[in-house]
Amino acid sequence: MILHYIFIGSFTAGLILGVFQMLFGVERRSRRRKGVQEPPQPGSIPYSLAHAHREISARISLPSLGAFLTFFGLVGYLLFRFTVLGPVAQIVLASIGGALGITAVLALIRAWAVPSARREIVDERFVLMGHLATVTVPISEDSPGEIAYEVDGVRYSARARTVNGETVPEGSEVVIERLENGYAYVEAWAHVEKRL
């Protein structure tokens, strides 16, 4: 009877891991580094999406673990419920089902998701659109200022102008609209918040 709960628990844990990955993503987090860095040059976007074409790692990851647990639990529960096989046979067949499930999921990703991501053309100007930043040097219509923002634990700074030519004092929160010609074009968070 305990096998019944193991299979249900595995299935549930696999679904929870799947939902977690949908909410928080599957990209690898870069190691955190301290200090302020210059903004990235074209072709070197500091965003995890820019590295979507990396090879699938052979090591165990949360998505593959979630897929295994889901298929293991599903196959095991069906075997427990509808067959008279012994516990060892159920576990072995459920494990094979989990392995086949991972294989099918990875095949689907390689055949559909990865080629689709590689074909997508990313406009580097808008990769940080909507990203929050803090003004470190005041921005006015006549002279550009500077902002600081963080991506994957790394702090960057960039020269900045406002999209509407308004003055933004130091310490204000702004939202990045685009990166273009060496400038981050930003809008005050207060204005963006009113539209939400």
N, C-alpha and C. Protein backbone atom coordinates (compact mmCIF):
# COMPACT_ATOMS: atom_id res chain seq x y z
N MET A 1 0.82 -1.22 0.00
CA MET A 1 0.00 0.00 0.00
C MET A 1 0.86 1.27 0.00
N ILE A 2 2.05 1.17 0.62
CA ILE A 2 2.92 2.35 0.67
C ILE A 2 3.39 2.73 -0.73
N LEU A 3 3.49 1.74 -1.63
CA LEU A 3 3.90 2.00 -3.01
C LEU A 3 2.91 2.94 -3.70
N HIS A 4 1.66 2.79 -3.38
CA HIS A 4 0.60 3.65 -3.91
C HIS A 4 0.91 5.11 -3.61
N TYR A 5 1.29 5.40 -2.36
CA TYR A 5 1.60 6.78 -1.96
C TYR A 5 2.91 7.27 -2.57
N ILE A 6 3.88 6.37 -2.77
CA ILE A 6 5.14 6.76 -3.41
C ILE A 6 4.87 7.22 -4.84
N PHE A 7 4.04 6.46 -5.56
CA PHE A 7 3.74 6.83 -6.94
C PHE A 7 2.96 8.14 -7.02
N ILE A 8 1.97 8.30 -6.16
CA ILE A 8 1.20 9.55 -6.15
C ILE A 8 2.08 10.72 -5.74
N GLY A 9 2.94 10.50 -4.73
CA GLY A 9 3.86 11.55 -4.29
C GLY A 9 4.84 11.95 -5.38
N SER A 10 5.37 10.96 -6.12
CA SER A 10 6.29 11.25 -7.22
C SER A 10 5.61 12.05 -8.32
N PHE A 11 4.40 11.64 -8.67
CA PHE A 11 3.65 12.35 -9.70
C PHE A 11 3.40 13.80 -9.28
N THR A 12 2.97 13.99 -8.03
CA THR A 12 2.69 15.33 -7.52
C THR A 12 3.96 16.18 -7.47
N ALA A 13 5.06 15.60 -6.99
CA ALA A 13 6.33 16.33 -6.93
C ALA A 13 6.79 16.73 -8.32
N GLY A 14 6.62 15.85 -9.30
CA GLY A 14 6.99 16.17 -10.68
C GLY A 14 6.18 17.32 -11.23
N LEU A 15 4.89 17.33 -10.96
CA LEU A 15 4.04 18.45 -11.41
C LEU A 15 4.43 19.75 -10.73
N ILE A 16 4.74 19.69 -9.43
CA ILE A 16 5.14 20.90 -8.70
C ILE A 16 6.45 21.45 -9.28
N LEU A 17 7.41 20.55 -9.57
CA LEU A 17 8.67 21.00 -10.19
C LEU A 17 8.40 21.62 -11.56
N GLY A 18 7.49 21.04 -12.32
CA GLY A 18 7.14 21.58 -13.63
C GLY A 18 6.56 22.98 -13.53
N VAL A 19 5.65 23.18 -12.59
CA VAL A 19 5.05 24.50 -12.39
C VAL A 19 6.11 25.50 -11.93
N PHE A 20 6.99 25.06 -11.02
CA PHE A 20 8.08 25.91 -10.54
C PHE A 20 8.94 26.38 -11.72
N GLN A 21 9.28 25.46 -12.62
CA GLN A 21 10.10 25.81 -13.77
C GLN A 21 9.37 26.76 -14.72
N MET A 22 8.05 26.59 -14.87
CA MET A 22 7.29 27.51 -15.72
C MET A 22 7.28 28.91 -15.13
N LEU A 23 7.20 29.01 -13.80
CA LEU A 23 7.14 30.31 -13.16
C LEU A 23 8.50 31.00 -13.08
N PHE A 24 9.54 30.24 -12.82
CA PHE A 24 10.85 30.84 -12.56
C PHE A 24 11.88 30.57 -13.64
N GLY A 25 11.55 29.82 -14.66
CA GLY A 25 12.46 29.63 -15.77
C GLY A 25 13.44 28.49 -15.57
N VAL A 26 14.09 28.11 -16.67
CA VAL A 26 15.03 27.01 -16.61
C VAL A 26 16.45 27.44 -16.95
N GLU A 27 16.65 28.74 -17.22
CA GLU A 27 17.99 29.16 -17.58
C GLU A 27 18.94 29.03 -16.41
N ARG A 28 20.21 28.86 -16.73
CA ARG A 28 21.21 28.76 -15.67
C ARG A 28 21.50 30.13 -15.12
N ARG A 29 21.61 30.22 -13.83
CA ARG A 29 21.97 31.48 -13.20
C ARG A 29 23.48 31.65 -13.23
N SER A 30 23.93 32.84 -13.62
CA SER A 30 25.37 33.07 -13.61
C SER A 30 25.84 33.28 -12.19
N ARG A 31 27.12 33.06 -11.96
CA ARG A 31 27.65 33.27 -10.62
C ARG A 31 27.61 34.75 -10.31
N ARG A 32 27.25 35.06 -9.10
CA ARG A 32 27.13 36.46 -8.72
C ARG A 32 28.51 37.10 -8.61
N ARG A 33 28.62 38.29 -9.22
CA ARG A 33 29.85 39.05 -9.15
C ARG A 33 29.54 40.42 -8.63
N LYS A 34 30.47 40.99 -7.91
CA LYS A 34 30.25 42.30 -7.31
C LYS A 34 30.81 43.38 -8.24
N GLY A 35 30.39 44.61 -7.97
CA GLY A 35 30.94 45.73 -8.72
C GLY A 35 30.02 46.16 -9.84
N VAL A 36 30.33 47.32 -10.41
CA VAL A 36 29.55 47.87 -11.51
C VAL A 36 30.32 47.64 -12.80
N GLN A 37 29.66 47.15 -13.81
CA GLN A 37 30.31 46.91 -15.09
C GLN A 37 29.70 47.82 -16.13
N GLU A 38 30.45 48.01 -17.19
CA GLU A 38 29.96 48.82 -18.30
C GLU A 38 28.84 48.06 -19.00
N PRO A 39 27.94 48.76 -19.68
CA PRO A 39 26.88 48.06 -20.39
C PRO A 39 27.46 47.16 -21.46
N PRO A 40 26.78 46.10 -21.79
CA PRO A 40 27.29 45.16 -22.79
C PRO A 40 27.35 45.79 -24.17
N GLN A 41 28.28 45.36 -24.96
CA GLN A 41 28.39 45.82 -26.34
C GLN A 41 27.39 45.02 -27.18
N PRO A 42 27.02 45.51 -28.34
CA PRO A 42 26.12 44.75 -29.21
C PRO A 42 26.66 43.35 -29.45
N GLY A 43 25.76 42.39 -29.38
CA GLY A 43 26.15 41.01 -29.57
C GLY A 43 26.52 40.31 -28.28
N SER A 44 26.54 41.05 -27.15
CA SER A 44 26.88 40.42 -25.87
C SER A 44 25.85 40.79 -24.82
N ILE A 45 24.61 40.46 -25.08
CA ILE A 45 23.50 40.80 -24.18
C ILE A 45 23.69 40.09 -22.86
N PRO A 46 23.60 40.81 -21.72
CA PRO A 46 23.81 40.16 -20.42
C PRO A 46 22.56 39.52 -19.88
N TYR A 47 21.82 38.91 -20.73
CA TYR A 47 20.54 38.37 -20.29
C TYR A 47 20.51 36.88 -20.59
N SER A 48 19.92 36.12 -19.72
CA SER A 48 19.91 34.66 -19.88
C SER A 48 19.27 34.23 -21.19
N LEU A 49 18.32 35.01 -21.71
CA LEU A 49 17.65 34.64 -22.96
C LEU A 49 18.65 34.59 -24.11
N ALA A 50 19.72 35.36 -24.02
CA ALA A 50 20.70 35.38 -25.10
C ALA A 50 21.45 34.06 -25.19
N HIS A 51 21.41 33.25 -24.15
CA HIS A 51 22.13 31.99 -24.13
C HIS A 51 21.18 30.81 -24.27
N ALA A 52 20.01 31.02 -24.88
CA ALA A 52 19.01 29.96 -24.98
C ALA A 52 19.44 28.83 -25.89
N HIS A 53 20.41 29.08 -26.77
CA HIS A 53 20.83 28.05 -27.72
C HIS A 53 21.92 27.14 -27.17
N ARG A 54 22.29 27.27 -25.89
CA ARG A 54 23.31 26.39 -25.32
C ARG A 54 22.89 24.93 -25.41
N GLU A 55 23.88 24.07 -25.47
CA GLU A 55 23.59 22.64 -25.51
C GLU A 55 22.93 22.20 -24.22
N ILE A 56 22.05 21.21 -24.32
CA ILE A 56 21.37 20.69 -23.14
C ILE A 56 22.38 19.93 -22.30
N SER A 57 22.45 20.27 -21.04
CA SER A 57 23.44 19.67 -20.14
C SER A 57 23.10 18.22 -19.85
N ALA A 58 24.16 17.41 -19.69
CA ALA A 58 23.95 16.00 -19.40
C ALA A 58 23.68 15.77 -17.92
N ARG A 59 23.98 16.78 -17.10
CA ARG A 59 23.79 16.58 -15.67
C ARG A 59 22.30 16.63 -15.32
N ILE A 60 21.96 16.13 -14.16
CA ILE A 60 20.57 16.13 -13.73
C ILE A 60 20.14 17.56 -13.44
N SER A 61 19.02 17.96 -14.01
CA SER A 61 18.50 19.29 -13.80
C SER A 61 17.08 19.18 -13.24
N LEU A 62 16.58 20.28 -12.72
CA LEU A 62 15.22 20.26 -12.18
C LEU A 62 14.17 19.89 -13.22
N PRO A 63 14.24 20.41 -14.46
CA PRO A 63 13.24 20.01 -15.44
C PRO A 63 13.26 18.51 -15.74
N SER A 64 14.47 17.93 -15.88
CA SER A 64 14.52 16.49 -16.18
C SER A 64 14.08 15.67 -14.98
N LEU A 65 14.43 16.13 -13.78
CA LEU A 65 13.98 15.43 -12.57
C LEU A 65 12.45 15.49 -12.47
N GLY A 66 11.88 16.66 -12.76
CA GLY A 66 10.43 16.81 -12.73
C GLY A 66 9.75 15.90 -13.74
N ALA A 67 10.33 15.81 -14.96
CA ALA A 67 9.75 14.92 -15.98
C ALA A 67 9.83 13.47 -15.54
N PHE A 68 10.98 13.07 -14.98
CA PHE A 68 11.12 11.69 -14.53
C PHE A 68 10.10 11.36 -13.44
N LEU A 69 9.99 12.23 -12.44
CA LEU A 69 9.07 11.97 -11.33
C LEU A 69 7.62 11.89 -11.82
N THR A 70 7.27 12.77 -12.75
CA THR A 70 5.90 12.76 -13.27
C THR A 70 5.58 11.44 -13.98
N PHE A 71 6.46 11.04 -14.90
CA PHE A 71 6.21 9.79 -15.64
C PHE A 71 6.35 8.56 -14.74
N PHE A 72 7.33 8.59 -13.84
CA PHE A 72 7.50 7.48 -12.89
C PHE A 72 6.23 7.30 -12.06
N GLY A 73 5.72 8.41 -11.52
CA GLY A 73 4.52 8.35 -10.70
C GLY A 73 3.30 7.92 -11.48
N LEU A 74 3.13 8.43 -12.69
CA LEU A 74 1.97 8.10 -13.51
C LEU A 74 1.96 6.62 -13.91
N VAL A 75 3.10 6.17 -14.45
CA VAL A 75 3.18 4.76 -14.87
C VAL A 75 3.05 3.84 -13.66
N GLY A 76 3.73 4.18 -12.56
CA GLY A 76 3.66 3.36 -11.36
C GLY A 76 2.25 3.27 -10.80
N TYR A 77 1.55 4.39 -10.77
CA TYR A 77 0.18 4.38 -10.25
C TYR A 77 -0.72 3.50 -11.12
N LEU A 78 -0.59 3.64 -12.44
CA LEU A 78 -1.42 2.82 -13.34
C LEU A 78 -1.11 1.32 -13.18
N LEU A 79 0.18 1.00 -13.02
CA LEU A 79 0.54 -0.40 -12.79
C LEU A 79 -0.01 -0.91 -11.46
N PHE A 80 0.08 -0.08 -10.43
CA PHE A 80 -0.41 -0.47 -9.11
C PHE A 80 -1.91 -0.69 -9.14
N ARG A 81 -2.59 0.20 -9.83
CA ARG A 81 -4.06 0.19 -9.82
C ARG A 81 -4.65 -0.90 -10.72
N PHE A 82 -4.03 -1.15 -11.88
CA PHE A 82 -4.68 -2.00 -12.87
C PHE A 82 -3.94 -3.30 -13.20
N THR A 83 -2.89 -3.62 -12.48
CA THR A 83 -2.20 -4.89 -12.73
C THR A 83 -2.01 -5.64 -11.41
N VAL A 84 -1.57 -6.87 -11.51
CA VAL A 84 -1.30 -7.68 -10.32
C VAL A 84 0.20 -7.94 -10.18
N LEU A 85 1.01 -7.10 -10.83
CA LEU A 85 2.46 -7.25 -10.75
C LEU A 85 2.95 -6.99 -9.32
N GLY A 86 4.07 -7.57 -8.97
CA GLY A 86 4.65 -7.35 -7.67
C GLY A 86 5.30 -5.98 -7.56
N PRO A 87 5.66 -5.56 -6.33
CA PRO A 87 6.24 -4.24 -6.10
C PRO A 87 7.53 -3.99 -6.89
N VAL A 88 8.41 -5.00 -6.96
CA VAL A 88 9.68 -4.82 -7.67
C VAL A 88 9.42 -4.58 -9.15
N ALA A 89 8.55 -5.37 -9.74
CA ALA A 89 8.21 -5.21 -11.16
C ALA A 89 7.58 -3.84 -11.42
N GLN A 90 6.72 -3.40 -10.51
CA GLN A 90 6.09 -2.09 -10.66
C GLN A 90 7.13 -0.97 -10.63
N ILE A 91 8.08 -1.06 -9.69
CA ILE A 91 9.12 -0.03 -9.58
C ILE A 91 10.01 -0.03 -10.81
N VAL A 92 10.40 -1.21 -11.27
CA VAL A 92 11.26 -1.31 -12.46
C VAL A 92 10.55 -0.74 -13.69
N LEU A 93 9.30 -1.14 -13.90
CA LEU A 93 8.56 -0.65 -15.06
C LEU A 93 8.26 0.85 -14.95
N ALA A 94 7.99 1.33 -13.74
CA ALA A 94 7.75 2.76 -13.55
C ALA A 94 9.03 3.54 -13.83
N SER A 95 10.19 2.99 -13.43
CA SER A 95 11.48 3.65 -13.71
C SER A 95 11.74 3.70 -15.21
N ILE A 96 11.43 2.61 -15.90
CA ILE A 96 11.58 2.60 -17.36
C ILE A 96 10.64 3.64 -17.99
N GLY A 97 9.43 3.72 -17.46
CA GLY A 97 8.48 4.73 -17.94
C GLY A 97 9.00 6.14 -17.72
N GLY A 98 9.62 6.38 -16.56
CA GLY A 98 10.21 7.69 -16.27
C GLY A 98 11.33 8.02 -17.23
N ALA A 99 12.20 7.03 -17.50
CA ALA A 99 13.32 7.24 -18.43
C ALA A 99 12.81 7.51 -19.85
N LEU A 100 11.79 6.75 -20.27
CA LEU A 100 11.21 6.98 -21.60
C LEU A 100 10.54 8.35 -21.68
N GLY A 101 9.93 8.77 -20.57
CA GLY A 101 9.30 10.09 -20.52
C GLY A 101 10.32 11.21 -20.72
N ILE A 102 11.46 11.09 -20.02
CA ILE A 102 12.52 12.11 -20.18
C ILE A 102 13.02 12.10 -21.62
N THR A 103 13.23 10.92 -22.17
CA THR A 103 13.72 10.81 -23.55
C THR A 103 12.75 11.48 -24.51
N ALA A 104 11.45 11.25 -24.32
CA ALA A 104 10.45 11.86 -25.20
C ALA A 104 10.44 13.38 -25.05
N VAL A 105 10.53 13.87 -23.82
CA VAL A 105 10.52 15.32 -23.58
C VAL A 105 11.75 15.97 -24.21
N LEU A 106 12.94 15.38 -24.00
CA LEU A 106 14.17 15.94 -24.59
C LEU A 106 14.13 15.90 -26.11
N ALA A 107 13.56 14.82 -26.67
CA ALA A 107 13.43 14.73 -28.13
C ALA A 107 12.52 15.84 -28.65
N LEU A 108 11.44 16.10 -27.94
CA LEU A 108 10.51 17.16 -28.33
C LEU A 108 11.19 18.52 -28.26
N ILE A 109 11.97 18.74 -27.20
CA ILE A 109 12.68 20.02 -27.05
C ILE A 109 13.69 20.19 -28.18
N ARG A 110 14.47 19.14 -28.45
CA ARG A 110 15.48 19.23 -29.51
C ARG A 110 14.86 19.41 -30.89
N ALA A 111 13.72 18.79 -31.12
CA ALA A 111 13.10 18.83 -32.45
C ALA A 111 12.27 20.08 -32.68
N TRP A 112 11.75 20.69 -31.62
CA TRP A 112 10.80 21.79 -31.79
C TRP A 112 11.26 23.07 -31.11
N ALA A 113 11.54 23.03 -29.81
CA ALA A 113 11.82 24.26 -29.07
C ALA A 113 13.17 24.87 -29.41
N VAL A 114 14.23 24.06 -29.46
CA VAL A 114 15.57 24.60 -29.73
C VAL A 114 15.66 25.20 -31.13
N PRO A 115 15.21 24.51 -32.19
CA PRO A 115 15.27 25.14 -33.52
C PRO A 115 14.43 26.42 -33.60
N SER A 116 13.30 26.43 -32.91
CA SER A 116 12.46 27.62 -32.90
C SER A 116 13.18 28.78 -32.24
N ALA A 117 13.86 28.52 -31.12
CA ALA A 117 14.61 29.58 -30.42
C ALA A 117 15.77 30.07 -31.27
N ARG A 118 16.42 29.18 -32.00
CA ARG A 118 17.55 29.59 -32.84
C ARG A 118 17.10 30.45 -34.02
N ARG A 119 15.90 30.21 -34.53
CA ARG A 119 15.39 30.99 -35.67
C ARG A 119 14.92 32.37 -35.24
N GLU A 120 14.58 32.53 -33.98
CA GLU A 120 14.05 33.81 -33.51
C GLU A 120 15.12 34.88 -33.55
N ILE A 121 14.80 36.00 -34.14
CA ILE A 121 15.73 37.12 -34.21
C ILE A 121 15.41 38.05 -33.05
N VAL A 122 16.42 38.24 -32.19
CA VAL A 122 16.23 39.07 -31.01
C VAL A 122 16.72 40.48 -31.30
N ASP A 123 15.86 41.46 -31.12
CA ASP A 123 16.25 42.86 -31.28
C ASP A 123 16.93 43.28 -29.98
N GLU A 124 18.24 43.41 -30.03
CA GLU A 124 19.03 43.67 -28.83
C GLU A 124 18.66 44.98 -28.15
N ARG A 125 18.06 45.91 -28.88
CA ARG A 125 17.69 47.18 -28.26
C ARG A 125 16.63 46.99 -27.17
N PHE A 126 15.80 45.95 -27.32
CA PHE A 126 14.66 45.81 -26.42
C PHE A 126 14.77 44.64 -25.44
N VAL A 127 15.96 44.06 -25.33
CA VAL A 127 16.12 42.91 -24.44
C VAL A 127 15.87 43.30 -22.98
N LEU A 128 16.23 44.51 -22.61
CA LEU A 128 16.03 44.97 -21.22
C LEU A 128 14.77 45.82 -21.05
N MET A 129 13.91 45.82 -22.03
CA MET A 129 12.68 46.63 -21.94
C MET A 129 11.87 46.23 -20.71
N GLY A 130 11.50 47.23 -19.92
CA GLY A 130 10.72 46.97 -18.71
C GLY A 130 11.57 46.69 -17.48
N HIS A 131 12.88 46.67 -17.64
CA HIS A 131 13.79 46.38 -16.52
C HIS A 131 13.92 47.62 -15.64
N LEU A 132 13.87 47.44 -14.34
CA LEU A 132 14.02 48.56 -13.41
C LEU A 132 15.47 48.97 -13.25
N ALA A 133 15.70 50.26 -13.07
CA ALA A 133 17.05 50.80 -12.85
C ALA A 133 16.95 51.98 -11.90
N THR A 134 18.10 52.40 -11.38
CA THR A 134 18.16 53.54 -10.48
C THR A 134 19.06 54.60 -11.11
N VAL A 135 18.62 55.85 -11.05
CA VAL A 135 19.41 56.96 -11.61
C VAL A 135 20.55 57.26 -10.65
N THR A 136 21.78 57.21 -11.17
CA THR A 136 22.97 57.51 -10.34
C THR A 136 23.54 58.88 -10.64
N VAL A 137 23.28 59.40 -11.85
CA VAL A 137 23.64 60.78 -12.23
C VAL A 137 22.37 61.37 -12.83
N PRO A 138 21.93 62.55 -12.32
CA PRO A 138 20.66 63.12 -12.80
C PRO A 138 20.57 63.22 -14.32
N ILE A 139 19.36 63.00 -14.83
CA ILE A 139 19.13 63.05 -16.28
C ILE A 139 18.30 64.29 -16.57
N SER A 140 18.74 65.08 -17.55
CA SER A 140 17.94 66.24 -17.96
C SER A 140 17.81 66.21 -19.47
N GLU A 141 17.00 67.14 -20.00
CA GLU A 141 16.79 67.18 -21.45
C GLU A 141 18.08 67.55 -22.18
N ASP A 142 18.88 68.43 -21.54
CA ASP A 142 20.10 68.92 -22.18
C ASP A 142 21.30 67.99 -22.02
N SER A 143 21.36 67.29 -20.90
CA SER A 143 22.54 66.43 -20.69
C SER A 143 22.11 65.04 -20.20
N PRO A 144 22.76 64.01 -20.76
CA PRO A 144 22.42 62.66 -20.33
C PRO A 144 22.93 62.40 -18.92
N GLY A 145 22.28 61.48 -18.26
CA GLY A 145 22.71 61.07 -16.93
C GLY A 145 23.24 59.66 -16.97
N GLU A 146 23.10 58.99 -15.84
CA GLU A 146 23.57 57.61 -15.78
C GLU A 146 22.64 56.81 -14.89
N ILE A 147 22.48 55.52 -15.25
CA ILE A 147 21.66 54.62 -14.45
C ILE A 147 22.48 53.40 -14.05
N ALA A 148 22.00 52.71 -13.04
CA ALA A 148 22.58 51.42 -12.64
C ALA A 148 21.44 50.41 -12.59
N TYR A 149 21.72 49.21 -13.08
CA TYR A 149 20.71 48.15 -13.06
C TYR A 149 21.41 46.82 -12.84
N GLU A 150 20.64 45.83 -12.47
CA GLU A 150 21.21 44.52 -12.15
C GLU A 150 20.58 43.44 -13.03
N VAL A 151 21.42 42.56 -13.57
CA VAL A 151 20.94 41.43 -14.37
C VAL A 151 21.68 40.19 -13.88
N ASP A 152 20.95 39.19 -13.45
CA ASP A 152 21.52 37.93 -12.96
C ASP A 152 22.58 38.17 -11.89
N GLY A 153 22.33 39.12 -11.01
CA GLY A 153 23.24 39.37 -9.90
C GLY A 153 24.44 40.23 -10.25
N VAL A 154 24.55 40.65 -11.50
CA VAL A 154 25.67 41.50 -11.92
C VAL A 154 25.15 42.92 -12.09
N ARG A 155 25.85 43.88 -11.54
CA ARG A 155 25.43 45.28 -11.59
C ARG A 155 26.08 45.95 -12.79
N TYR A 156 25.28 46.66 -13.58
CA TYR A 156 25.75 47.38 -14.77
C TYR A 156 25.41 48.85 -14.63
N SER A 157 26.16 49.68 -15.35
CA SER A 157 25.83 51.10 -15.43
C SER A 157 25.78 51.48 -16.91
N ALA A 158 25.00 52.51 -17.22
CA ALA A 158 24.88 52.96 -18.60
C ALA A 158 24.53 54.44 -18.62
N ARG A 159 25.01 55.12 -19.66
CA ARG A 159 24.58 56.50 -19.86
C ARG A 159 23.11 56.46 -20.23
N ALA A 160 22.36 57.47 -19.79
CA ALA A 160 20.91 57.38 -19.97
C ALA A 160 20.30 58.71 -20.39
N ARG A 161 19.24 58.59 -21.17
CA ARG A 161 18.38 59.72 -21.56
C ARG A 161 16.95 59.28 -21.28
N THR A 162 16.06 60.26 -21.15
CA THR A 162 14.66 59.91 -20.95
C THR A 162 13.95 59.88 -22.31
N VAL A 163 12.91 59.07 -22.39
CA VAL A 163 12.19 58.95 -23.66
C VAL A 163 11.36 60.19 -23.97
N ASN A 164 10.99 60.95 -22.91
CA ASN A 164 10.14 62.12 -23.11
C ASN A 164 10.84 63.44 -22.80
N GLY A 165 12.15 63.42 -22.58
CA GLY A 165 12.92 64.64 -22.36
C GLY A 165 12.76 65.26 -20.99
N GLU A 166 12.13 64.58 -20.05
CA GLU A 166 11.96 65.16 -18.72
C GLU A 166 13.22 65.02 -17.88
N THR A 167 13.29 65.80 -16.80
CA THR A 167 14.40 65.74 -15.87
C THR A 167 14.09 64.70 -14.80
N VAL A 168 15.07 63.85 -14.51
CA VAL A 168 14.89 62.82 -13.49
C VAL A 168 16.05 62.95 -12.49
N PRO A 169 15.75 63.18 -11.21
CA PRO A 169 16.81 63.38 -10.22
C PRO A 169 17.52 62.07 -9.83
N GLU A 170 18.70 62.24 -9.25
CA GLU A 170 19.47 61.10 -8.76
C GLU A 170 18.68 60.33 -7.71
N GLY A 171 18.77 59.01 -7.74
CA GLY A 171 18.09 58.15 -6.78
C GLY A 171 16.70 57.73 -7.21
N SER A 172 16.20 58.30 -8.32
CA SER A 172 14.86 57.95 -8.80
C SER A 172 14.89 56.57 -9.47
N GLU A 173 13.76 55.88 -9.36
CA GLU A 173 13.62 54.61 -10.07
C GLU A 173 13.06 54.88 -11.45
N VAL A 174 13.66 54.21 -12.44
CA VAL A 174 13.22 54.36 -13.82
C VAL A 174 13.05 52.98 -14.43
N VAL A 175 12.38 52.95 -15.58
CA VAL A 175 12.17 51.71 -16.32
C VAL A 175 12.89 51.88 -17.67
N ILE A 176 13.70 50.89 -18.02
CA ILE A 176 14.42 50.93 -19.29
C ILE A 176 13.45 50.64 -20.43
N GLU A 177 13.47 51.51 -21.44
CA GLU A 177 12.63 51.31 -22.62
C GLU A 177 13.41 50.63 -23.73
N ARG A 178 14.68 51.07 -23.91
CA ARG A 178 15.53 50.44 -24.92
C ARG A 178 16.98 50.86 -24.68
N LEU A 179 17.91 50.11 -25.28
CA LEU A 179 19.32 50.47 -25.31
C LEU A 179 19.67 50.77 -26.77
N GLU A 180 20.15 52.00 -27.03
CA GLU A 180 20.40 52.37 -28.41
C GLU A 180 21.47 53.44 -28.49
N ASN A 181 22.41 53.27 -29.43
CA ASN A 181 23.48 54.24 -29.66
C ASN A 181 24.26 54.60 -28.39
N GLY A 182 24.48 53.61 -27.55
CA GLY A 182 25.27 53.84 -26.35
C GLY A 182 24.50 54.42 -25.18
N TYR A 183 23.19 54.61 -25.33
CA TYR A 183 22.36 55.17 -24.26
C TYR A 183 21.24 54.20 -23.89
N ALA A 184 20.87 54.26 -22.63
CA ALA A 184 19.65 53.58 -22.18
C ALA A 184 18.56 54.65 -22.17
N TYR A 185 17.50 54.42 -22.90
CA TYR A 185 16.37 55.34 -22.90
C TYR A 185 15.38 54.86 -21.84
N VAL A 186 15.09 55.75 -20.89
CA VAL A 186 14.32 55.35 -19.71
C VAL A 186 13.12 56.25 -19.50
N GLU A 187 12.22 55.77 -18.66
CA GLU A 187 11.05 56.56 -18.25
C GLU A 187 10.89 56.39 -16.75
N ALA A 188 10.49 57.47 -16.09
CA ALA A 188 10.32 57.44 -14.64
C ALA A 188 9.31 56.37 -14.25
N TRP A 189 9.61 55.61 -13.21
CA TRP A 189 8.73 54.55 -12.74
C TRP A 189 7.37 55.09 -12.35
N ALA A 190 7.33 56.30 -11.82
CA ALA A 190 6.06 56.91 -11.39
C ALA A 190 5.09 57.02 -12.56
N HIS A 191 5.60 57.35 -13.75
CA HIS A 191 4.72 57.46 -14.93
C HIS A 191 4.25 56.08 -15.40
N VAL A 192 5.18 55.12 -15.39
CA VAL A 192 4.84 53.77 -15.81
C VAL A 192 3.81 53.16 -14.86
N GLU A 193 4.00 53.39 -13.56
CA GLU A 193 3.10 52.84 -12.55
C GLU A 193 1.68 53.33 -12.74
N LYS A 194 1.51 54.59 -13.15
CA LYS A 194 0.17 55.14 -13.36
C LYS A 194 -0.57 54.44 -14.49
N ARG A 195 0.20 53.95 -15.47
CA ARG A 195 -0.44 53.27 -16.61
C ARG A 195 -0.79 51.83 -16.31
N LEU A 196 -0.23 51.28 -15.25
CA LEU A 196 -0.49 49.86 -14.93
C LEU A 196 -1.82 49.68 -14.24
